C-alpha atoms as a PDB file:
ATOM      1  CA  MET A   1     -53.766  63.338 105.542  1.00  0.00           C
ATOM      2  CA  LYS A   2     -51.552  66.356 106.133  1.00  0.00           C
ATOM      3  CA  GLU A   3     -54.783  68.261 106.789  1.00  0.00           C
ATOM      4  CA  GLY A   4     -55.838  65.816 109.504  1.00  0.00           C
ATOM      5  CA  LYS A   5     -58.190  63.715 107.386  1.00  0.00           C
ATOM      6  CA  SER A   6     -58.778  60.103 108.412  1.00  0.00           C
ATOM      7  CA  TYR A   7     -57.823  57.124 106.255  1.00  0.00           C
ATOM      8  CA  THR A   8     -61.512  56.628 105.486  1.00  0.00           C
ATOM      9  CA  GLU A   9     -61.980  60.236 104.366  1.00  0.00           C
ATOM     10  CA  VAL A  10     -58.891  60.110 102.157  1.00  0.00           C
ATOM     11  CA  ALA A  11     -60.018  56.768 100.660  1.00  0.00           C
ATOM     12  CA  ALA A  12     -63.443  58.208  99.859  1.00  0.00           C
ATOM     13  CA  ALA A  13     -61.909  61.292  98.216  1.00  0.00           C
ATOM     14  CA  LEU A  14     -59.615  59.106  96.089  1.00  0.00           C
ATOM     15  CA  ARG A  15     -62.278  56.472  95.418  1.00  0.00           C
ATOM     16  CA  THR A  16     -60.242  53.642  96.827  1.00  0.00           C
ATOM     17  CA  THR A  17     -60.262  51.544  99.986  1.00  0.00           C
ATOM     18  CA  ARG A  18     -59.024  52.508 103.422  1.00  0.00           C
ATOM     19  CA  HIS A  19     -56.630  49.550 103.277  1.00  0.00           C
ATOM     20  CA  THR A  20     -55.040  50.915 100.095  1.00  0.00           C
ATOM     21  CA  VAL A  21     -54.474  54.326 101.694  1.00  0.00           C
ATOM     22  CA  VAL A  22     -52.803  52.673 104.705  1.00  0.00           C
ATOM     23  CA  ARG A  23     -50.569  50.675 102.345  1.00  0.00           C
ATOM     24  CA  TRP A  24     -49.622  53.815 100.375  1.00  0.00           C
ATOM     25  CA  GLU A  25     -48.729  55.626 103.578  1.00  0.00           C
ATOM     26  CA  ARG A  26     -46.528  52.742 104.707  1.00  0.00           C
ATOM     27  CA  TRP A  27     -44.688  52.740 101.361  1.00  0.00           C
ATOM     28  CA  PHE A  28     -44.270  56.512 101.491  1.00  0.00           C
ATOM     29  CA  GLU A  29     -42.891  56.413 105.044  1.00  0.00           C
ATOM     30  CA  ARG A  30     -40.483  53.646 104.102  1.00  0.00           C
ATOM     31  CA  ASP A  31     -39.264  54.857 100.675  1.00  0.00           C
ATOM     32  CA  GLY A  32     -40.558  58.413 100.179  1.00  0.00           C
ATOM     33  CA  LEU A  33     -42.058  59.358  96.807  1.00  0.00           C
ATOM     34  CA  LYS A  34     -40.023  56.625  95.154  1.00  0.00           C
ATOM     35  CA  GLY A  35     -42.031  54.086  97.160  1.00  0.00           C
ATOM     36  CA  LEU A  36     -45.221  55.254  95.458  1.00  0.00           C
ATOM     37  CA  GLY A  37     -43.822  54.990  91.941  1.00  0.00           C
ATOM     38  CA  SER A  38     -44.740  52.419  89.364  1.00  0.00           C
ATOM     39  CA  LYS A  39     -43.251  49.052  90.201  1.00  0.00           C
ATOM     40  CA  PRO A  40     -44.523  45.486  90.201  1.00  0.00           C
ATOM     41  CA  ARG A  41     -46.762  44.586  93.124  1.00  0.00           C
ATOM     42  CA  TYR A  42     -47.025  41.002  94.294  1.00  0.00           C
ATOM     43  CA  TRP A  43     -49.990  40.956  96.667  1.00  0.00           C
ATOM     44  CA  CYS A  44     -52.135  39.191  94.070  1.00  0.00           C
ATOM     45  CA  ASN A  45     -51.873  35.403  93.892  1.00  0.00           C
ATOM     46  CA  GLN A  46     -51.976  34.851  90.163  1.00  0.00           C
ATOM     47  CA  ARG A  47     -51.625  31.178  89.402  1.00  0.00           C
ATOM     48  CA  LEU A  48     -51.981  31.268  85.626  1.00  0.00           C
ATOM     49  CA  PRO A  49     -48.672  32.363  84.097  1.00  0.00           C
ATOM     50  CA  ARG A  50     -48.929  35.569  82.070  1.00  0.00           C
ATOM     51  CA  GLU A  51     -47.644  33.832  78.940  1.00  0.00           C
ATOM     52  CA  GLN A  52     -50.710  31.547  79.020  1.00  0.00           C
ATOM     53  CA  GLU A  53     -53.295  34.335  79.360  1.00  0.00           C
ATOM     54  CA  GLU A  54     -53.920  34.667  75.623  1.00  0.00           C
ATOM     55  CA  ALA A  55     -54.413  30.908  75.195  1.00  0.00           C
ATOM     56  CA  PHE A  56     -56.796  30.980  78.169  1.00  0.00           C
ATOM     57  CA  ARG A  57     -58.771  33.860  76.637  1.00  0.00           C
ATOM     58  CA  LEU A  58     -59.097  31.971  73.339  1.00  0.00           C
ATOM     59  CA  ASP A  59     -60.217  28.812  75.154  1.00  0.00           C
ATOM     60  CA  ILE A  60     -62.891  30.809  77.007  1.00  0.00           C
ATOM     61  CA  GLU A  61     -64.206  32.184  73.709  1.00  0.00           C
ATOM     62  CA  GLN A  62     -64.229  28.701  72.181  1.00  0.00           C
ATOM     63  CA  LEU A  63     -66.033  27.301  75.234  1.00  0.00           C
ATOM     64  CA  GLN A  64     -68.744  29.956  74.867  1.00  0.00           C
ATOM     65  CA  GLN A  65     -69.153  29.257  71.144  1.00  0.00           C
ATOM     66  CA  GLU A  66     -69.507  25.507  71.787  1.00  0.00           C
ATOM     67  CA  ARG A  67     -72.186  26.141  74.420  1.00  0.00           C
ATOM     68  CA  ALA A  68     -75.599  25.015  73.121  1.00  0.00           C
ATOM     69  CA  GLY A  69     -77.330  27.821  74.953  1.00  0.00           C
ATOM     70  CA  GLY A  70     -76.833  30.106  77.881  1.00  0.00           C
ATOM     71  CA  ARG A  71     -73.540  31.402  79.125  1.00  0.00           C
ATOM     72  CA  ILE A  72     -70.519  29.730  80.596  1.00  0.00           C
ATOM     73  CA  ARG A  73     -70.380  29.728  84.393  1.00  0.00           C
ATOM     74  CA  GLY A  74     -67.575  30.287  86.852  1.00  0.00           C
ATOM     75  CA  GLU A  75     -67.481  26.537  87.473  1.00  0.00           C
ATOM     76  CA  ASP A  76     -66.947  25.963  83.736  1.00  0.00           C
ATOM     77  CA  ILE A  77     -63.987  28.337  83.807  1.00  0.00           C
ATOM     78  CA  ARG A  78     -62.568  26.721  86.953  1.00  0.00           C
ATOM     79  CA  GLN A  79     -62.756  23.290  85.297  1.00  0.00           C
ATOM     80  CA  LEU A  80     -61.128  24.606  82.110  1.00  0.00           C
ATOM     81  CA  LEU A  81     -58.242  26.039  84.143  1.00  0.00           C
ATOM     82  CA  ALA A  82     -57.787  22.768  86.028  1.00  0.00           C
ATOM     83  CA  GLN A  83     -57.972  20.500  82.985  1.00  0.00           C
ATOM     84  CA  GLN A  84     -56.109  22.448  80.320  1.00  0.00           C
ATOM     85  CA  PHE A  85     -53.756  24.632  82.338  1.00  0.00           C
ATOM     86  CA  ASP A  86     -53.257  22.515  85.487  1.00  0.00           C
ATOM     87  CA  VAL A  87     -54.163  25.542  87.647  1.00  0.00           C
ATOM     88  CA  ALA A  88     -56.442  25.271  90.684  1.00  0.00           C
ATOM     89  CA  TYR A  89     -58.801  28.101  91.581  1.00  0.00           C
ATOM     90  CA  SER A  90     -61.796  28.010  93.876  1.00  0.00           C
END
């Protein structure tokens, strides 16, 4: 960017999205290099608590093993989350 490259050109060179480059620039302008450091980011809406992820993974494996043929579908996973973990995804 210091060389006059556009957000799109920088994103392509870094193999990321233009939106990500804009976000990085905003953080850098606000907090300098410290703003780009490793810290938790909260733009993702994760509904399943992290402490339940392992139980969820095991339930997915069990669901696949119980399947009489074929693979589990996204709808199967959504229903599992709703029924066993009381978490709603769409």
